[in-house]
Amino acid sequence: MAKVLIHDSDADILAVICYILAEEGHEVLTVSSYNEAVLGVETYAPDVVLLDFALYGEPCIEACNVIKSRYPELPVIAVSCNKHLVESNAQGLFDACIEKPFEIHEVILIIRNYTLAQK
């Protein structure tokens, strides 16, 4: 299955997403900072990236910009409780957005869609 890099500042949400994706057969790397996310993309070579879009969002946008500048085809998905971000999708910066609280099937479907699209 796919290699997924997940960043979230909430350890519980990180654990839940990690568990969900591991149960689906995905290989998962979790990170707790945006710097670790950027470095993880370099060393782990994921098929898809999930980034926690905090309420203020600037570090997440910066990390996404760095990742996209180096790997434009790599899907980067924002995970956020910021409803405005989900509605606007940060002006198209992210490939998709998952709104917190999320449904498990939604996370699985989005990862499946983006990993199948790469094959």
N, C-alpha and C. Protein backbone atom coordinates (compact mmCIF):
# COMPACT_ATOMS: atom_id res chain seq x y z
N MET A 1 0.84 -1.19 0.00
CA MET A 1 0.00 0.00 0.00
C MET A 1 0.88 1.24 0.00
N ALA A 2 0.33 2.37 0.43
CA ALA A 2 1.01 3.65 0.32
C ALA A 2 1.83 4.00 1.55
N LYS A 3 2.81 4.86 1.32
CA LYS A 3 3.58 5.44 2.42
C LYS A 3 2.98 6.82 2.70
N VAL A 4 2.56 7.03 3.95
CA VAL A 4 1.88 8.27 4.33
C VAL A 4 2.65 8.96 5.44
N LEU A 5 2.95 10.24 5.25
CA LEU A 5 3.56 11.05 6.30
C LEU A 5 2.46 11.90 6.90
N ILE A 6 2.34 11.84 8.23
CA ILE A 6 1.28 12.57 8.93
C ILE A 6 1.87 13.51 9.95
N HIS A 7 1.45 14.77 9.89
CA HIS A 7 1.82 15.76 10.91
C HIS A 7 0.54 16.20 11.61
N ASP A 8 0.59 16.22 12.92
CA ASP A 8 -0.49 16.82 13.70
C ASP A 8 0.06 17.21 15.06
N SER A 9 -0.38 18.36 15.55
CA SER A 9 0.09 18.83 16.86
C SER A 9 -0.64 18.14 18.00
N ASP A 10 -1.78 17.50 17.71
CA ASP A 10 -2.55 16.80 18.72
C ASP A 10 -2.17 15.32 18.69
N ALA A 11 -1.53 14.84 19.74
CA ALA A 11 -1.04 13.46 19.78
C ALA A 11 -2.18 12.45 19.63
N ASP A 12 -3.36 12.75 20.16
CA ASP A 12 -4.48 11.82 20.06
C ASP A 12 -4.97 11.69 18.62
N ILE A 13 -5.09 12.81 17.93
CA ILE A 13 -5.51 12.77 16.53
C ILE A 13 -4.46 12.07 15.69
N LEU A 14 -3.20 12.36 15.96
CA LEU A 14 -2.09 11.69 15.26
C LEU A 14 -2.19 10.18 15.44
N ALA A 15 -2.44 9.73 16.66
CA ALA A 15 -2.55 8.30 16.93
C ALA A 15 -3.75 7.67 16.21
N VAL A 16 -4.87 8.37 16.18
CA VAL A 16 -6.07 7.85 15.53
C VAL A 16 -5.84 7.70 14.02
N ILE A 17 -5.32 8.75 13.39
CA ILE A 17 -5.09 8.68 11.94
C ILE A 17 -4.06 7.60 11.63
N CYS A 18 -3.02 7.53 12.42
CA CYS A 18 -1.99 6.51 12.23
C CYS A 18 -2.60 5.11 12.32
N TYR A 19 -3.40 4.88 13.33
CA TYR A 19 -4.05 3.58 13.51
C TYR A 19 -4.95 3.24 12.33
N ILE A 20 -5.78 4.20 11.92
CA ILE A 20 -6.70 3.99 10.80
C ILE A 20 -5.94 3.56 9.56
N LEU A 21 -4.90 4.30 9.24
CA LEU A 21 -4.16 4.03 8.00
C LEU A 21 -3.34 2.75 8.09
N ALA A 22 -2.78 2.46 9.25
CA ALA A 22 -2.04 1.21 9.43
C ALA A 22 -2.97 0.02 9.28
N GLU A 23 -4.19 0.12 9.80
CA GLU A 23 -5.17 -0.94 9.65
C GLU A 23 -5.55 -1.16 8.19
N GLU A 24 -5.47 -0.12 7.40
CA GLU A 24 -5.74 -0.22 5.96
C GLU A 24 -4.55 -0.76 5.19
N GLY A 25 -3.44 -0.98 5.89
CA GLY A 25 -2.26 -1.55 5.24
C GLY A 25 -1.22 -0.54 4.79
N HIS A 26 -1.41 0.71 5.15
CA HIS A 26 -0.45 1.75 4.76
C HIS A 26 0.73 1.78 5.72
N GLU A 27 1.86 2.18 5.20
CA GLU A 27 3.06 2.42 6.02
C GLU A 27 3.00 3.88 6.43
N VAL A 28 3.11 4.16 7.74
CA VAL A 28 2.88 5.51 8.24
C VAL A 28 4.10 6.03 9.01
N LEU A 29 4.45 7.28 8.73
CA LEU A 29 5.45 8.00 9.51
C LEU A 29 4.76 9.20 10.12
N THR A 30 4.85 9.35 11.45
CA THR A 30 4.25 10.50 12.12
C THR A 30 5.34 11.47 12.54
N VAL A 31 5.02 12.75 12.44
CA VAL A 31 5.93 13.81 12.86
C VAL A 31 5.14 14.84 13.65
N SER A 32 5.83 15.59 14.51
CA SER A 32 5.13 16.53 15.37
C SER A 32 5.47 17.99 15.09
N SER A 33 6.30 18.25 14.09
CA SER A 33 6.59 19.64 13.73
C SER A 33 6.63 19.79 12.21
N TYR A 34 6.47 21.01 11.76
CA TYR A 34 6.51 21.28 10.32
C TYR A 34 7.90 21.02 9.76
N ASN A 35 8.94 21.35 10.53
CA ASN A 35 10.30 21.07 10.08
C ASN A 35 10.51 19.58 9.89
N GLU A 36 10.01 18.78 10.83
CA GLU A 36 10.10 17.33 10.70
C GLU A 36 9.32 16.84 9.48
N ALA A 37 8.22 17.48 9.18
CA ALA A 37 7.43 17.10 8.00
C ALA A 37 8.22 17.33 6.72
N VAL A 38 8.85 18.49 6.60
CA VAL A 38 9.64 18.79 5.41
C VAL A 38 10.83 17.82 5.30
N LEU A 39 11.52 17.60 6.40
CA LEU A 39 12.64 16.65 6.39
C LEU A 39 12.16 15.23 6.11
N GLY A 40 11.00 14.88 6.65
CA GLY A 40 10.45 13.55 6.43
C GLY A 40 10.12 13.28 4.98
N VAL A 41 9.68 14.29 4.28
CA VAL A 41 9.41 14.14 2.85
C VAL A 41 10.70 13.80 2.12
N GLU A 42 11.79 14.45 2.52
CA GLU A 42 13.09 14.20 1.89
C GLU A 42 13.58 12.77 2.16
N THR A 43 13.45 12.31 3.40
CA THR A 43 14.05 11.03 3.78
C THR A 43 13.11 9.84 3.65
N TYR A 44 11.82 10.04 3.82
CA TYR A 44 10.85 8.95 3.84
C TYR A 44 10.23 8.70 2.47
N ALA A 45 10.21 9.73 1.62
CA ALA A 45 9.62 9.64 0.26
C ALA A 45 8.18 9.11 0.30
N PRO A 46 7.29 9.84 0.99
CA PRO A 46 5.91 9.36 1.09
C PRO A 46 5.16 9.50 -0.23
N ASP A 47 4.04 8.77 -0.32
CA ASP A 47 3.15 8.87 -1.47
C ASP A 47 2.13 9.99 -1.27
N VAL A 48 1.89 10.35 -0.01
CA VAL A 48 0.94 11.40 0.33
C VAL A 48 1.32 11.98 1.69
N VAL A 49 1.03 13.28 1.89
CA VAL A 49 1.34 13.97 3.14
C VAL A 49 0.07 14.58 3.72
N LEU A 50 -0.14 14.40 5.02
CA LEU A 50 -1.22 15.08 5.73
C LEU A 50 -0.59 16.08 6.69
N LEU A 51 -0.99 17.35 6.58
CA LEU A 51 -0.46 18.40 7.44
C LEU A 51 -1.57 19.01 8.28
N ASP A 52 -1.31 19.15 9.56
CA ASP A 52 -2.24 19.81 10.47
C ASP A 52 -2.21 21.31 10.19
N PHE A 53 -3.35 21.85 9.81
CA PHE A 53 -3.46 23.28 9.57
C PHE A 53 -4.00 23.91 10.84
N ALA A 54 -3.10 24.45 11.66
CA ALA A 54 -3.50 25.07 12.92
C ALA A 54 -4.32 26.33 12.65
N LEU A 55 -4.92 26.86 13.68
CA LEU A 55 -5.82 28.00 13.51
C LEU A 55 -5.17 29.19 12.80
N TYR A 56 -3.91 29.45 13.07
CA TYR A 56 -3.25 30.58 12.42
C TYR A 56 -2.66 30.20 11.07
N GLY A 57 -2.27 28.97 10.87
CA GLY A 57 -1.95 28.42 9.57
C GLY A 57 -0.66 28.78 8.86
N GLU A 58 0.01 29.85 9.25
CA GLU A 58 1.20 30.29 8.52
C GLU A 58 2.28 29.21 8.40
N PRO A 59 2.67 28.53 9.48
CA PRO A 59 3.71 27.50 9.34
C PRO A 59 3.30 26.36 8.41
N CYS A 60 2.04 26.00 8.43
CA CYS A 60 1.55 24.93 7.57
C CYS A 60 1.63 25.35 6.10
N ILE A 61 1.23 26.57 5.81
CA ILE A 61 1.31 27.06 4.44
C ILE A 61 2.76 27.10 3.97
N GLU A 62 3.65 27.55 4.84
CA GLU A 62 5.08 27.60 4.51
C GLU A 62 5.61 26.19 4.23
N ALA A 63 5.27 25.23 5.10
CA ALA A 63 5.73 23.85 4.90
C ALA A 63 5.18 23.29 3.60
N CYS A 64 3.91 23.54 3.32
CA CYS A 64 3.31 23.06 2.08
C CYS A 64 4.01 23.68 0.86
N ASN A 65 4.29 24.96 0.93
CA ASN A 65 4.99 25.63 -0.18
C ASN A 65 6.37 25.01 -0.43
N VAL A 66 7.10 24.72 0.65
CA VAL A 66 8.42 24.09 0.50
C VAL A 66 8.28 22.71 -0.13
N ILE A 67 7.34 21.91 0.38
CA ILE A 67 7.14 20.56 -0.16
C ILE A 67 6.74 20.61 -1.62
N LYS A 68 5.78 21.47 -1.94
CA LYS A 68 5.29 21.57 -3.32
C LYS A 68 6.35 22.12 -4.28
N SER A 69 7.23 22.98 -3.78
CA SER A 69 8.28 23.52 -4.66
C SER A 69 9.28 22.43 -5.04
N ARG A 70 9.47 21.47 -4.16
CA ARG A 70 10.42 20.38 -4.41
C ARG A 70 9.76 19.17 -5.06
N TYR A 71 8.51 18.93 -4.71
CA TYR A 71 7.77 17.76 -5.18
C TYR A 71 6.36 18.18 -5.61
N PRO A 72 6.23 18.84 -6.74
CA PRO A 72 4.93 19.39 -7.14
C PRO A 72 3.83 18.34 -7.34
N GLU A 73 4.21 17.11 -7.63
CA GLU A 73 3.21 16.07 -7.85
C GLU A 73 2.80 15.34 -6.58
N LEU A 74 3.49 15.60 -5.47
CA LEU A 74 3.18 14.93 -4.21
C LEU A 74 1.90 15.52 -3.60
N PRO A 75 0.88 14.70 -3.38
CA PRO A 75 -0.34 15.21 -2.76
C PRO A 75 -0.11 15.64 -1.31
N VAL A 76 -0.52 16.86 -1.00
CA VAL A 76 -0.45 17.39 0.36
C VAL A 76 -1.88 17.74 0.78
N ILE A 77 -2.32 17.11 1.85
CA ILE A 77 -3.69 17.26 2.33
C ILE A 77 -3.68 17.96 3.68
N ALA A 78 -4.47 19.02 3.79
CA ALA A 78 -4.59 19.74 5.07
C ALA A 78 -5.64 19.05 5.93
N VAL A 79 -5.34 18.96 7.22
CA VAL A 79 -6.30 18.45 8.20
C VAL A 79 -6.53 19.59 9.17
N SER A 80 -7.79 20.06 9.28
CA SER A 80 -8.02 21.28 10.04
C SER A 80 -9.41 21.37 10.64
N CYS A 81 -9.49 22.06 11.77
CA CYS A 81 -10.80 22.40 12.33
C CYS A 81 -11.21 23.81 11.87
N ASN A 82 -10.38 24.42 11.05
CA ASN A 82 -10.66 25.74 10.50
C ASN A 82 -11.61 25.59 9.31
N LYS A 83 -12.90 25.79 9.55
CA LYS A 83 -13.91 25.58 8.50
C LYS A 83 -13.66 26.48 7.29
N HIS A 84 -13.16 27.68 7.51
CA HIS A 84 -12.88 28.58 6.40
C HIS A 84 -11.82 27.98 5.47
N LEU A 85 -10.80 27.36 6.03
CA LEU A 85 -9.77 26.73 5.20
C LEU A 85 -10.38 25.63 4.36
N VAL A 86 -11.20 24.81 4.99
CA VAL A 86 -11.80 23.70 4.27
C VAL A 86 -12.65 24.22 3.12
N GLU A 87 -13.38 25.31 3.38
CA GLU A 87 -14.24 25.87 2.33
C GLU A 87 -13.42 26.53 1.22
N SER A 88 -12.35 27.21 1.58
CA SER A 88 -11.57 27.94 0.57
C SER A 88 -10.39 27.12 0.04
N ASN A 89 -10.02 26.05 0.76
CA ASN A 89 -8.87 25.20 0.42
C ASN A 89 -7.61 26.03 0.25
N ALA A 90 -7.44 27.04 1.10
CA ALA A 90 -6.23 27.87 1.12
C ALA A 90 -5.83 28.27 -0.30
N GLN A 91 -6.80 28.77 -1.04
CA GLN A 91 -6.58 29.25 -2.41
C GLN A 91 -5.94 28.18 -3.29
N GLY A 92 -6.34 26.94 -3.11
CA GLY A 92 -5.88 25.85 -3.97
C GLY A 92 -4.50 25.33 -3.65
N LEU A 93 -3.91 25.74 -2.55
CA LEU A 93 -2.57 25.30 -2.20
C LEU A 93 -2.52 23.80 -1.92
N PHE A 94 -3.50 23.30 -1.19
CA PHE A 94 -3.53 21.89 -0.82
C PHE A 94 -4.31 21.10 -1.87
N ASP A 95 -3.97 19.83 -1.98
CA ASP A 95 -4.69 18.98 -2.92
C ASP A 95 -6.08 18.64 -2.41
N ALA A 96 -6.23 18.60 -1.09
CA ALA A 96 -7.52 18.33 -0.46
C ALA A 96 -7.46 18.80 0.98
N CYS A 97 -8.63 18.89 1.61
CA CYS A 97 -8.72 19.25 3.02
C CYS A 97 -9.65 18.26 3.72
N ILE A 98 -9.26 17.88 4.92
CA ILE A 98 -10.09 17.04 5.78
C ILE A 98 -10.46 17.90 6.98
N GLU A 99 -11.75 18.05 7.20
CA GLU A 99 -12.21 18.89 8.31
C GLU A 99 -12.32 18.07 9.59
N LYS A 100 -11.76 18.62 10.68
CA LYS A 100 -11.91 18.02 12.00
C LYS A 100 -13.21 18.54 12.61
N PRO A 101 -13.96 17.74 13.30
CA PRO A 101 -13.76 16.30 13.45
C PRO A 101 -14.08 15.61 12.13
N PHE A 102 -13.35 14.54 11.86
CA PHE A 102 -13.49 13.84 10.59
C PHE A 102 -14.13 12.47 10.80
N GLU A 103 -14.66 11.95 9.72
CA GLU A 103 -15.17 10.59 9.70
C GLU A 103 -14.05 9.67 9.22
N ILE A 104 -13.92 8.53 9.83
CA ILE A 104 -12.85 7.59 9.48
C ILE A 104 -12.90 7.23 8.01
N HIS A 105 -14.10 6.95 7.49
CA HIS A 105 -14.19 6.57 6.08
C HIS A 105 -13.74 7.69 5.15
N GLU A 106 -13.90 8.94 5.58
CA GLU A 106 -13.46 10.08 4.76
C GLU A 106 -11.93 10.08 4.62
N VAL A 107 -11.22 9.85 5.71
CA VAL A 107 -9.76 9.81 5.68
C VAL A 107 -9.29 8.67 4.77
N ILE A 108 -9.89 7.50 4.94
CA ILE A 108 -9.52 6.34 4.13
C ILE A 108 -9.76 6.61 2.65
N LEU A 109 -10.92 7.17 2.33
CA LEU A 109 -11.27 7.44 0.94
C LEU A 109 -10.33 8.46 0.29
N ILE A 110 -10.00 9.52 1.01
CA ILE A 110 -9.11 10.54 0.45
C ILE A 110 -7.72 9.96 0.20
N ILE A 111 -7.19 9.22 1.16
CA ILE A 111 -5.87 8.59 0.98
C ILE A 111 -5.92 7.62 -0.19
N ARG A 112 -6.95 6.82 -0.26
CA ARG A 112 -7.10 5.85 -1.35
C ARG A 112 -7.15 6.57 -2.70
N ASN A 113 -7.93 7.64 -2.79
CA ASN A 113 -8.04 8.38 -4.05
C ASN A 113 -6.71 8.95 -4.51
N TYR A 114 -5.96 9.51 -3.60
CA TYR A 114 -4.69 10.13 -3.99
C TYR A 114 -3.59 9.11 -4.25
N THR A 115 -3.62 7.97 -3.58
CA THR A 115 -2.59 6.98 -3.84
C THR A 115 -2.89 6.19 -5.11
N LEU A 116 -4.16 5.94 -5.39
CA LEU A 116 -4.53 5.26 -6.64
C LEU A 116 -4.26 6.14 -7.85
N ALA A 117 -4.45 7.45 -7.68
CA ALA A 117 -4.23 8.38 -8.79
C ALA A 117 -2.76 8.41 -9.22
N GLN A 118 -1.86 8.06 -8.31
CA GLN A 118 -0.44 8.09 -8.64
C GLN A 118 0.01 6.86 -9.41
N LYS A 119 -0.79 5.80 -9.38
CA LYS A 119 -0.38 4.54 -10.03
C LYS A 119 -0.70 4.55 -11.50
